[in-house]
Amino acid sequence: MTDNIKHNLRVQPYPYQLEGIRFGLEKQRLFIGDEPGLGKTLQSIGIVDTANAYPCLVICPSSLKINWKREFERFTDRHALVLDNNTQTTWPYLLQMKMHHVAIVNYESLRKFFVWDIKGGSRAANNAPGRTGFRLKDVVFCPHINLFKSIIIDESHRIKDPSAQQTIFTKGIATGKDWIILLSGTPVVNRPEDLVSQLSIMNRLNEFGGKGAFLAMYGDGENLNELSSRLYSSCLIRREKAKVLTELPEKTRCDLYVEISNRDEYNLAAADLAEYLRQYKECTDVEIRRKMRMETLVKFMTLRSLAAMGKVAQAIDFARNFLASGKPLILFCSYHEIVDALCRAFPRAVRVTGRDSLTAKQAAVDAFQSGNAQLIICSIKAAGVGLTLTASSNVAFIELAWTYADCCQCEDRAHRIGQRDNVTCYYLLGQGTIDSTLYRIIHRKKSIANQIMASDDDIPTTEAYFNEIANAFLSEF
């Protein structure tokens, strides 16, 4: 079985990941509750692919849809489809014809794609957002949900409220599936009751005597050791970074592609830049080429800022889902507008930016290091060097630095003496934007970027770097 898994995934998983895949193949309906960065996605893909449990439906936060598509297609030979307006009516046909094997949808779109009607639906319209005035038996589901043999539910703590619309829809879609895999670093957010709807969706609540018996036994926070033992023996697998540290690299990078919200504006700016670059290439005058190169760098910076601004909503979604795990997070960005938007979304966060005094910066670091703040928002320029932020082993980039050296400097705020865990670095990249161009240069063409050891996050102005980024951009446009 181990060799088969390795062949199917075309990678060499860590031993604990293989253990999780084997456990999943045995249990079929389970939680994978590993801490962030330990490969819950890979393990769930391994289970589905080895079991050949296709078609598969993935339900996940909006910010992770593209990542799920990329991971399925990276580790298997199956095609994944992100459900959107263009596929609202065609997705069943694409699955039936085996043109695609995996469908990926965000929680907020479950009703749009899979619900035909809700009896007494007018009552629900008057309820608070996310709450319902109906029950599962009132929902008329699209019959095509029966196509799916397996379902992966990412960040499953989002369906802990049994009366919420998303929970009811997920329960209906999952009913009757042989393979149900829930992923969450925190299946229990506040109290044991959070498990009730998740166990019900896995069709395992009856193993605990039903909802009434479960709450009577564990609802008041009693007998938790017994609950833990029963979960681990029946349907839960969970590892912590500290326990598998010897199997992990010191630093892991994860690229997460997201859709940008300002696509039309971005495309206009990209087309303008591409035309300018073509004129530059046709120019033979050395001095004019130099001036055009400086003007082009400005256009590159504009394009970079548009890509960054278009990711804000998805970045907030990512951070909220991550922070629900209870783990602290370091967020890096550059533009003041993005810092301000993040601060509005997370009023309890602390920040280190160029607009803050030295005293305010140190107070923010102290609050984060002492555990009094779960999120610290950092400017690449102001916090990229000199700070120690080892209270977290997780770093996320909303924007990219211009060079590999600058990326490493930011990552190393967590990856330094005093850090006890493997460091996981998440790069949020705008799908179909300059992000992918720049990301490949700074991580695959390290020999070029390493020549420029600037730490001020200014775009390198050497002709070698300019030609590298210009050629890469034009080849993709």
Protein backbone atom coordinates (compact mmCIF):
# COMPACT_ATOMS: atom_id res chain seq x y z
CA MET A 1 0.00 0.00 0.00
CA THR A 2 2.82 2.41 0.83
CA ASP A 3 4.44 2.02 -2.60
CA ASN A 4 1.06 2.53 -4.26
CA ILE A 5 0.49 5.76 -2.38
CA LYS A 6 3.92 7.06 -3.32
CA HIS A 7 3.31 6.16 -6.97
CA ASN A 8 -0.10 7.81 -7.04
CA LEU A 9 1.11 11.02 -5.45
CA ARG A 10 4.37 11.16 -7.41
CA VAL A 11 6.14 12.42 -4.28
CA GLN A 12 7.92 11.00 -1.24
CA PRO A 13 5.58 11.84 1.64
CA TYR A 14 6.88 12.03 5.16
CA PRO A 15 6.24 8.90 7.25
CA TYR A 16 3.56 10.63 9.32
CA GLN A 17 1.73 11.60 6.12
CA LEU A 18 1.76 8.01 4.91
CA GLU A 19 0.44 6.99 8.31
CA GLY A 20 -2.42 9.47 7.92
CA ILE A 21 -3.25 8.14 4.45
CA ARG A 22 -3.33 4.55 5.72
CA PHE A 23 -5.53 5.58 8.64
CA GLY A 24 -7.90 7.34 6.26
CA LEU A 25 -8.12 4.33 3.97
CA GLU A 26 -9.11 2.22 6.97
CA LYS A 27 -11.62 4.64 8.47
CA GLN A 28 -13.03 6.35 5.31
CA ARG A 29 -14.97 8.94 7.36
CA LEU A 30 -12.51 10.87 9.50
CA PHE A 31 -10.95 14.06 10.84
CA ILE A 32 -7.43 15.02 9.85
CA GLY A 33 -6.56 17.49 12.57
CA ASP A 34 -2.82 18.09 12.06
CA GLU A 35 -1.41 21.51 12.86
CA PRO A 36 -0.98 23.94 9.93
CA GLY A 37 1.92 23.08 7.64
CA LEU A 38 1.91 19.32 8.22
CA GLY A 39 0.16 18.29 5.02
CA LYS A 40 -3.55 17.80 5.70
CA THR A 41 -4.25 18.61 2.04
CA LEU A 42 -1.74 16.06 0.78
CA GLN A 43 -3.07 13.35 3.08
CA SER A 44 -6.68 13.87 2.02
CA ILE A 45 -5.69 13.84 -1.66
CA GLY A 46 -3.75 10.63 -1.02
CA ILE A 47 -6.78 8.96 0.52
CA VAL A 48 -9.14 9.94 -2.30
CA ASP A 49 -6.69 9.06 -5.07
CA THR A 50 -5.56 5.73 -3.64
CA ALA A 51 -9.19 4.74 -3.01
CA ASN A 52 -10.11 5.97 -6.52
CA ALA A 53 -13.03 7.73 -4.84
CA TYR A 54 -13.88 9.97 -7.79
CA PRO A 55 -15.64 12.23 -8.54
CA CYS A 56 -14.60 14.13 -5.43
CA LEU A 57 -16.08 17.34 -4.05
CA VAL A 58 -13.89 19.75 -2.09
CA ILE A 59 -15.63 22.33 0.11
CA CYS A 60 -13.19 24.98 1.31
CA PRO A 61 -12.78 28.70 2.08
CA SER A 62 -12.81 30.96 -0.96
CA SER A 63 -9.13 31.85 -0.57
CA LEU A 64 -8.07 28.20 -0.93
CA LYS A 65 -10.01 27.11 -4.04
CA ILE A 66 -7.23 27.62 -6.54
CA ASN A 67 -4.71 26.00 -4.21
CA TRP A 68 -6.86 22.87 -4.00
CA LYS A 69 -7.03 22.70 -7.79
CA ARG A 70 -3.27 23.05 -8.11
CA GLU A 71 -2.56 20.47 -5.41
CA PHE A 72 -4.86 17.84 -6.91
CA GLU A 73 -3.32 18.33 -10.34
CA ARG A 74 0.18 18.40 -8.90
CA PHE A 75 -0.05 15.18 -6.94
CA THR A 76 -2.41 13.13 -9.14
CA ASP A 77 -3.21 12.74 -12.82
CA ARG A 78 -6.78 13.99 -12.26
CA HIS A 79 -8.30 17.26 -13.46
CA ALA A 80 -9.95 19.61 -10.95
CA LEU A 81 -12.66 22.17 -11.64
CA VAL A 82 -13.27 25.32 -9.60
CA LEU A 83 -17.02 25.96 -9.59
CA ASP A 84 -17.85 29.51 -10.68
CA ASN A 85 -20.40 31.37 -12.80
CA ASN A 86 -18.95 29.90 -15.99
CA THR A 87 -19.53 26.31 -14.83
CA GLN A 88 -22.78 26.71 -12.91
CA THR A 89 -24.78 24.69 -15.43
CA THR A 90 -22.05 22.54 -17.01
CA TRP A 91 -20.22 21.04 -14.04
CA PRO A 92 -22.39 17.87 -13.87
CA TYR A 93 -21.72 17.17 -17.55
CA LEU A 94 -17.96 17.74 -17.11
CA LEU A 95 -17.88 15.23 -14.25
CA GLN A 96 -20.10 12.68 -15.99
CA MET A 97 -17.92 12.78 -19.12
CA LYS A 98 -14.82 12.41 -16.90
CA MET A 99 -13.33 15.57 -18.32
CA HIS A 100 -12.85 16.57 -14.68
CA HIS A 101 -12.68 14.38 -11.61
CA VAL A 102 -12.72 16.93 -8.78
CA ALA A 103 -15.08 19.85 -8.15
CA ILE A 104 -14.05 22.63 -5.78
CA VAL A 105 -16.52 25.04 -4.18
CA ASN A 106 -16.42 27.57 -1.35
CA TYR A 107 -18.84 27.42 1.58
CA GLU A 108 -20.73 30.53 0.54
CA SER A 109 -21.60 29.00 -2.86
CA LEU A 110 -23.07 25.70 -1.68
CA ARG A 111 -26.62 26.94 -2.12
CA LYS A 112 -25.91 28.38 -5.54
CA PHE A 113 -24.56 25.14 -7.01
CA PHE A 114 -26.28 22.35 -5.10
CA VAL A 115 -29.66 23.57 -3.78
CA TRP A 116 -32.72 23.75 -6.00
CA ASP A 117 -35.28 24.89 -3.47
CA ILE A 118 -35.98 25.41 0.22
CA LYS A 119 -39.51 24.79 1.40
CA GLY A 120 -40.65 27.81 3.39
CA GLY A 121 -37.62 29.63 2.03
CA SER A 122 -39.19 33.03 2.64
CA ARG A 123 -38.85 32.45 6.35
CA ALA A 124 -35.12 32.01 5.98
CA ALA A 125 -34.76 35.32 4.17
CA ASN A 126 -35.74 37.17 7.34
CA ASN A 127 -33.14 35.46 9.51
CA ALA A 128 -29.74 36.79 10.41
CA PRO A 129 -26.97 36.03 7.87
CA GLY A 130 -25.92 32.39 8.06
CA ARG A 131 -28.87 31.40 10.24
CA THR A 132 -31.85 29.47 8.97
CA GLY A 133 -35.55 29.12 9.48
CA PHE A 134 -35.53 25.65 7.90
CA ARG A 135 -34.27 22.15 8.53
CA LEU A 136 -32.44 19.66 6.38
CA LYS A 137 -35.67 17.94 5.34
CA ASP A 138 -36.87 21.26 3.85
CA VAL A 139 -33.95 21.47 1.40
CA VAL A 140 -34.35 20.18 -2.15
CA PHE A 141 -30.88 19.33 -3.40
CA CYS A 142 -29.72 19.09 -6.98
CA PRO A 143 -29.72 15.35 -7.79
CA HIS A 144 -26.27 15.64 -9.29
CA ILE A 145 -24.75 15.68 -5.78
CA ASN A 146 -25.10 11.90 -6.06
CA LEU A 147 -22.27 11.92 -8.59
CA PHE A 148 -19.73 12.43 -5.85
CA LYS A 149 -18.16 9.38 -4.23
CA SER A 150 -16.07 11.39 -1.79
CA ILE A 151 -16.14 14.77 -0.12
CA ILE A 152 -13.32 16.75 1.49
CA ILE A 153 -14.41 19.50 3.89
CA ASP A 154 -11.55 21.91 4.58
CA GLU A 155 -11.56 24.10 7.71
CA SER A 156 -14.46 22.01 8.99
CA HIS A 157 -14.77 24.05 12.20
CA ARG A 158 -16.78 26.43 10.01
CA ILE A 159 -19.67 23.95 10.14
CA LYS A 160 -19.77 23.54 13.91
CA ASP A 161 -23.12 25.36 14.24
CA PRO A 162 -25.87 22.83 13.38
CA SER A 163 -28.42 25.59 12.66
CA ALA A 164 -26.27 27.47 10.13
CA GLN A 165 -27.11 27.28 6.42
CA GLN A 166 -23.64 26.11 5.43
CA THR A 167 -23.79 23.29 7.97
CA ILE A 168 -27.20 22.10 6.77
CA PHE A 169 -26.16 22.22 3.12
CA THR A 170 -22.90 20.38 3.85
CA LYS A 171 -24.75 17.72 5.81
CA GLY A 172 -27.16 17.12 2.94
CA ILE A 173 -24.41 16.94 0.33
CA ALA A 174 -22.33 14.55 2.44
CA THR A 175 -25.20 12.18 3.21
CA GLY A 176 -24.60 8.74 1.74
CA LYS A 177 -20.98 9.36 0.74
CA ASP A 178 -18.56 6.49 1.40
CA TRP A 179 -15.57 8.79 1.83
CA ILE A 180 -15.93 11.90 4.02
CA ILE A 181 -12.76 13.69 5.13
CA LEU A 182 -12.88 16.71 7.44
CA LEU A 183 -9.78 18.87 7.76
CA SER A 184 -9.26 21.28 10.63
CA GLY A 185 -6.42 22.24 12.93
CA THR A 186 -9.11 23.01 15.52
CA PRO A 187 -12.14 20.72 15.24
CA VAL A 188 -13.08 21.97 18.73
CA VAL A 189 -13.04 25.75 18.76
CA ASN A 190 -14.66 26.52 22.11
CA ARG A 191 -16.34 23.46 23.61
CA PRO A 192 -17.02 19.77 22.93
CA GLU A 193 -20.41 20.69 21.46
CA ASP A 194 -18.52 22.00 18.42
CA LEU A 195 -17.98 18.37 17.44
CA VAL A 196 -21.65 17.44 17.23
CA SER A 197 -22.44 18.67 13.73
CA GLN A 198 -19.04 17.57 12.40
CA LEU A 199 -19.52 14.04 13.73
CA SER A 200 -23.05 14.06 12.33
CA ILE A 201 -21.79 15.05 8.87
CA MET A 202 -19.35 12.12 9.04
CA ASN A 203 -22.26 9.88 10.08
CA ARG A 204 -20.40 8.99 13.27
CA LEU A 205 -22.51 10.76 15.90
CA ASN A 206 -24.49 7.58 16.57
CA GLU A 207 -21.25 5.90 17.59
CA PHE A 208 -21.29 8.30 20.56
CA GLY A 209 -24.94 7.58 21.34
CA GLY A 210 -26.40 10.50 19.37
CA LYS A 211 -26.47 14.21 20.17
CA GLY A 212 -28.23 13.87 23.55
CA ALA A 213 -25.89 11.20 24.88
CA PHE A 214 -22.84 13.05 23.55
CA LEU A 215 -23.77 16.32 25.27
CA ALA A 216 -24.77 14.54 28.50
CA MET A 217 -21.39 12.83 28.65
CA TYR A 218 -19.06 15.56 27.36
CA GLY A 219 -21.05 18.78 26.94
CA ASP A 220 -20.03 20.31 30.28
CA GLY A 221 -16.34 19.68 29.69
CA GLU A 222 -16.29 16.43 31.62
CA ASN A 223 -14.76 13.08 30.64
CA LEU A 224 -12.60 14.77 28.04
CA ASN A 225 -9.82 12.20 28.26
CA GLU A 226 -12.34 9.52 27.39
CA LEU A 227 -13.66 11.63 24.51
CA SER A 228 -10.15 12.14 23.18
CA SER A 229 -9.41 8.43 23.35
CA ARG A 230 -12.63 7.53 21.52
CA LEU A 231 -11.99 10.09 18.81
CA TYR A 232 -8.44 8.92 18.18
CA SER A 233 -9.46 5.29 18.05
CA SER A 234 -12.40 5.84 15.71
CA CYS A 235 -11.97 8.82 13.42
CA LEU A 236 -9.33 11.39 14.39
CA ILE A 237 -5.69 11.66 13.44
CA ARG A 238 -3.71 14.64 14.70
CA ARG A 239 -0.01 15.53 14.82
CA GLU A 240 1.72 18.60 16.18
CA LYS A 241 4.79 20.17 14.65
CA ALA A 242 6.85 19.55 17.77
CA LYS A 243 6.16 15.81 17.63
CA VAL A 244 7.28 15.34 14.03
CA LEU A 245 9.98 18.02 14.01
CA THR A 246 12.80 15.62 13.15
CA GLU A 247 11.01 14.67 9.92
CA LEU A 248 10.44 18.26 8.79
CA PRO A 249 12.73 20.66 6.92
CA GLU A 250 13.67 23.76 8.84
CA LYS A 251 11.56 25.90 6.57
CA THR A 252 8.63 25.07 4.29
CA ARG A 253 7.20 27.37 1.62
CA CYS A 254 3.60 27.04 0.42
CA ASP A 255 2.32 29.02 -2.56
CA LEU A 256 -1.40 29.77 -2.39
CA TYR A 257 -2.96 31.15 -5.56
CA VAL A 258 -6.05 33.33 -5.13
CA GLU A 259 -8.38 35.25 -7.43
CA ILE A 260 -8.02 39.02 -7.44
CA SER A 261 -11.06 41.27 -7.08
CA ASN A 262 -9.94 43.98 -9.54
CA ARG A 263 -9.32 41.82 -12.61
CA ASP A 264 -10.48 44.35 -15.23
CA GLU A 265 -8.32 47.16 -13.86
CA TYR A 266 -5.34 44.83 -13.57
CA ASN A 267 -5.71 43.53 -17.14
CA LEU A 268 -5.74 47.07 -18.56
CA ALA A 269 -2.53 47.93 -16.70
CA ALA A 270 -0.91 44.65 -17.77
CA ALA A 271 -1.76 45.27 -21.42
CA ASP A 272 -0.28 48.76 -21.19
CA LEU A 273 2.93 47.40 -19.67
CA ALA A 274 3.22 44.66 -22.30
CA GLU A 275 2.91 47.19 -25.13
CA TYR A 276 5.51 49.44 -23.51
CA LEU A 277 7.91 46.51 -23.16
CA ARG A 278 7.52 45.67 -26.85
CA GLN A 279 8.42 49.26 -27.73
CA TYR A 280 11.42 49.03 -25.41
CA LYS A 281 12.67 45.89 -27.13
CA GLU A 282 12.42 47.58 -30.55
CA CYS A 283 14.33 50.66 -29.41
CA THR A 284 18.03 50.75 -30.33
CA ASP A 285 19.11 54.03 -28.71
CA VAL A 286 20.99 53.25 -25.47
CA GLU A 287 19.97 56.41 -23.61
CA ILE A 288 16.30 56.15 -24.61
CA ARG A 289 16.30 52.49 -23.56
CA ARG A 290 17.67 53.50 -20.16
CA LYS A 291 14.89 56.05 -19.66
CA MET A 292 12.28 53.61 -20.87
CA ARG A 293 13.62 51.02 -18.44
CA MET A 294 13.08 53.40 -15.53
CA GLU A 295 9.55 54.17 -16.74
CA THR A 296 8.84 50.47 -17.13
CA LEU A 297 9.95 49.79 -13.57
CA VAL A 298 7.32 52.30 -12.42
CA LYS A 299 4.71 50.40 -14.45
CA PHE A 300 5.88 47.16 -12.87
CA MET A 301 5.41 48.68 -9.42
CA THR A 302 1.90 49.85 -10.38
CA LEU A 303 1.03 46.36 -11.58
CA ARG A 304 2.42 44.87 -8.39
CA SER A 305 0.31 47.22 -6.29
CA LEU A 306 -2.85 46.35 -8.25
CA ALA A 307 -2.21 42.64 -7.74
CA ALA A 308 -1.68 43.25 -4.03
CA MET A 309 -4.84 45.32 -3.59
CA GLY A 310 -6.86 42.71 -5.44
CA LYS A 311 -5.83 40.08 -2.88
CA VAL A 312 -6.96 41.91 0.24
CA ALA A 313 -10.34 40.19 0.63
CA GLN A 314 -8.83 36.76 0.06
CA ALA A 315 -5.98 37.54 2.46
CA ILE A 316 -8.45 38.47 5.18
CA ASP A 317 -10.33 35.23 4.54
CA PHE A 318 -7.08 33.25 4.76
CA ALA A 319 -6.00 34.95 7.99
CA ARG A 320 -9.38 34.44 9.66
CA ASN A 321 -9.33 30.75 8.84
CA PHE A 322 -5.77 30.40 10.03
CA LEU A 323 -6.30 32.27 13.29
CA ALA A 324 -9.24 30.00 14.06
CA SER A 325 -6.63 27.29 14.62
CA GLY A 326 -5.50 29.18 17.70
CA LYS A 327 -1.98 29.63 16.32
CA PRO A 328 -0.31 33.06 16.01
CA LEU A 329 0.48 34.41 12.55
CA ILE A 330 2.92 36.92 11.07
CA LEU A 331 1.55 38.81 8.04
CA PHE A 332 3.89 40.70 5.70
CA CYS A 333 2.80 43.39 3.25
CA SER A 334 3.98 46.79 2.04
CA TYR A 335 1.27 49.23 1.04
CA HIS A 336 -0.33 51.43 3.68
CA GLU A 337 -3.77 50.79 2.18
CA ILE A 338 -3.38 47.07 2.77
CA VAL A 339 -2.09 47.55 6.31
CA ASP A 340 -5.07 49.75 7.09
CA ALA A 341 -7.55 47.26 5.60
CA LEU A 342 -6.03 44.46 7.67
CA CYS A 343 -6.12 46.53 10.83
CA ARG A 344 -9.81 47.24 10.27
CA ALA A 345 -10.50 43.55 9.74
CA PHE A 346 -8.43 42.52 12.79
CA PRO A 347 -8.72 45.31 15.36
CA ARG A 348 -6.90 43.27 18.01
CA ALA A 349 -3.82 42.79 15.83
CA VAL A 350 -0.58 44.66 16.46
CA ARG A 351 1.56 46.12 13.72
CA VAL A 352 5.10 47.13 12.81
CA THR A 353 5.19 49.62 9.91
CA GLY A 354 7.17 52.64 8.82
CA ARG A 355 4.46 54.91 10.25
CA ASP A 356 4.95 53.59 13.79
CA SER A 357 7.41 55.00 16.29
CA LEU A 358 10.22 52.88 17.70
CA THR A 359 8.35 52.68 20.99
CA ALA A 360 5.15 51.54 19.28
CA LYS A 361 7.04 48.95 17.23
CA GLN A 362 8.67 47.46 20.30
CA ALA A 363 5.37 47.38 22.16
CA ALA A 364 3.84 45.49 19.25
CA VAL A 365 6.68 42.96 19.21
CA ASP A 366 6.46 42.50 22.98
CA ALA A 367 2.70 41.95 22.82
CA PHE A 368 3.12 39.35 20.09
CA GLN A 369 6.03 37.56 21.74
CA SER A 370 4.23 37.41 25.09
CA GLY A 371 1.10 35.90 23.55
CA ASN A 372 -1.09 38.94 24.14
CA ALA A 373 -1.62 39.34 20.38
CA GLN A 374 -2.32 36.50 17.97
CA LEU A 375 -1.66 38.46 14.77
CA ILE A 376 1.13 40.87 13.90
CA ILE A 377 0.93 42.88 10.66
CA CYS A 378 4.39 43.76 9.39
CA SER A 379 5.72 46.01 6.69
CA ILE A 380 8.38 44.30 4.56
CA LYS A 381 10.46 47.45 4.73
CA ALA A 382 10.05 48.23 8.44
CA ALA A 383 10.03 44.71 9.92
CA GLY A 384 12.09 42.71 7.44
CA VAL A 385 15.26 42.91 9.50
CA GLY A 386 16.28 43.05 13.14
CA LEU A 387 13.09 41.77 14.79
CA THR A 388 12.58 38.50 16.61
CA LEU A 389 9.08 37.06 16.19
CA THR A 390 9.63 33.47 17.28
CA ALA A 391 6.26 33.31 19.05
CA SER A 392 4.95 32.12 15.70
CA SER A 393 6.27 29.50 13.31
CA ASN A 394 3.90 30.65 10.54
CA VAL A 395 4.57 33.55 8.19
CA ALA A 396 2.28 34.75 5.39
CA PHE A 397 3.06 37.17 2.57
CA ILE A 398 0.24 39.18 1.02
CA GLU A 399 2.79 41.00 -1.12
CA LEU A 400 6.11 39.83 -2.47
CA ALA A 401 9.44 41.41 -1.79
CA TRP A 402 11.46 42.10 -4.94
CA THR A 403 14.38 39.77 -4.17
CA TYR A 404 15.03 36.35 -2.70
CA ALA A 405 17.23 37.93 -0.05
CA ASP A 406 14.40 40.17 1.12
CA CYS A 407 12.01 37.20 1.30
CA CYS A 408 14.49 35.29 3.44
CA GLN A 409 14.98 38.27 5.73
CA CYS A 410 11.24 38.43 6.39
CA GLU A 411 10.91 34.68 6.83
CA ASP A 412 13.76 34.73 9.28
CA ARG A 413 11.89 36.94 11.73
CA ALA A 414 10.40 33.59 12.82
CA HIS A 415 13.16 31.26 11.58
CA ARG A 416 15.89 32.22 14.05
CA ILE A 417 17.39 31.29 17.40
CA GLY A 418 14.59 30.65 19.87
CA GLN A 419 12.27 29.02 17.33
CA ARG A 420 11.32 25.50 18.39
CA ASP A 421 9.16 24.52 15.43
CA ASN A 422 9.46 24.10 11.70
CA VAL A 423 8.63 27.42 10.04
CA THR A 424 5.90 27.45 7.39
CA CYS A 425 5.81 30.38 4.97
CA TYR A 426 2.63 31.01 2.97
CA TYR A 427 2.82 33.12 -0.18
CA LEU A 428 -0.56 34.43 -1.38
CA LEU A 429 -0.16 34.89 -5.12
CA GLY A 430 -2.68 36.49 -7.44
CA GLN A 431 -3.77 34.01 -10.10
CA GLY A 432 -2.73 35.23 -13.54
CA THR A 433 -0.81 38.25 -12.23
CA ILE A 434 2.75 39.49 -11.99
CA ASP A 435 2.95 37.64 -8.68
CA SER A 436 3.70 34.35 -10.39
CA THR A 437 6.36 35.98 -12.58
CA LEU A 438 8.13 37.59 -9.66
CA TYR A 439 7.74 34.53 -7.43
CA ARG A 440 9.46 32.28 -9.94
CA ILE A 441 12.31 34.72 -10.35
CA ILE A 442 13.01 35.17 -6.67
CA HIS A 443 12.74 31.48 -5.83
CA ARG A 444 14.01 29.76 -8.98
CA LYS A 445 16.52 32.31 -10.20
CA LYS A 446 18.24 32.81 -6.85
CA SER A 447 21.59 33.41 -8.51
CA ILE A 448 20.27 36.68 -9.96
CA ALA A 449 18.35 37.86 -6.93
CA ASN A 450 21.13 36.99 -4.51
CA GLN A 451 23.45 39.45 -6.25
CA ILE A 452 21.26 42.24 -4.91
CA MET A 453 21.34 42.15 -1.14
CA ALA A 454 19.15 45.22 -0.64
CA SER A 455 16.88 45.12 2.41
CA ASP A 456 14.82 48.20 1.66
CA ASP A 457 12.31 46.47 -0.64
CA ASP A 458 13.08 48.76 -3.57
CA ILE A 459 12.84 47.15 -6.99
CA PRO A 460 16.34 46.29 -8.28
CA THR A 461 17.37 48.58 -11.14
CA THR A 462 20.18 46.50 -12.64
CA GLU A 463 19.66 45.70 -16.31
CA ALA A 464 20.13 41.97 -15.66
CA TYR A 465 17.22 41.90 -13.22
CA PHE A 466 15.11 44.10 -15.46
CA ASN A 467 15.64 41.83 -18.46
CA GLU A 468 14.80 38.79 -16.36
CA ILE A 469 11.48 40.13 -15.13
CA ALA A 470 10.56 41.75 -18.47
CA ASN A 471 11.17 38.57 -20.48
CA ALA A 472 9.31 36.45 -17.94
CA PHE A 473 6.33 38.82 -17.94
CA LEU A 474 6.10 38.99 -21.75
CA SER A 475 6.34 35.21 -22.08
CA GLU A 476 3.25 34.82 -19.93
CA PHE A 477 1.17 37.74 -21.22
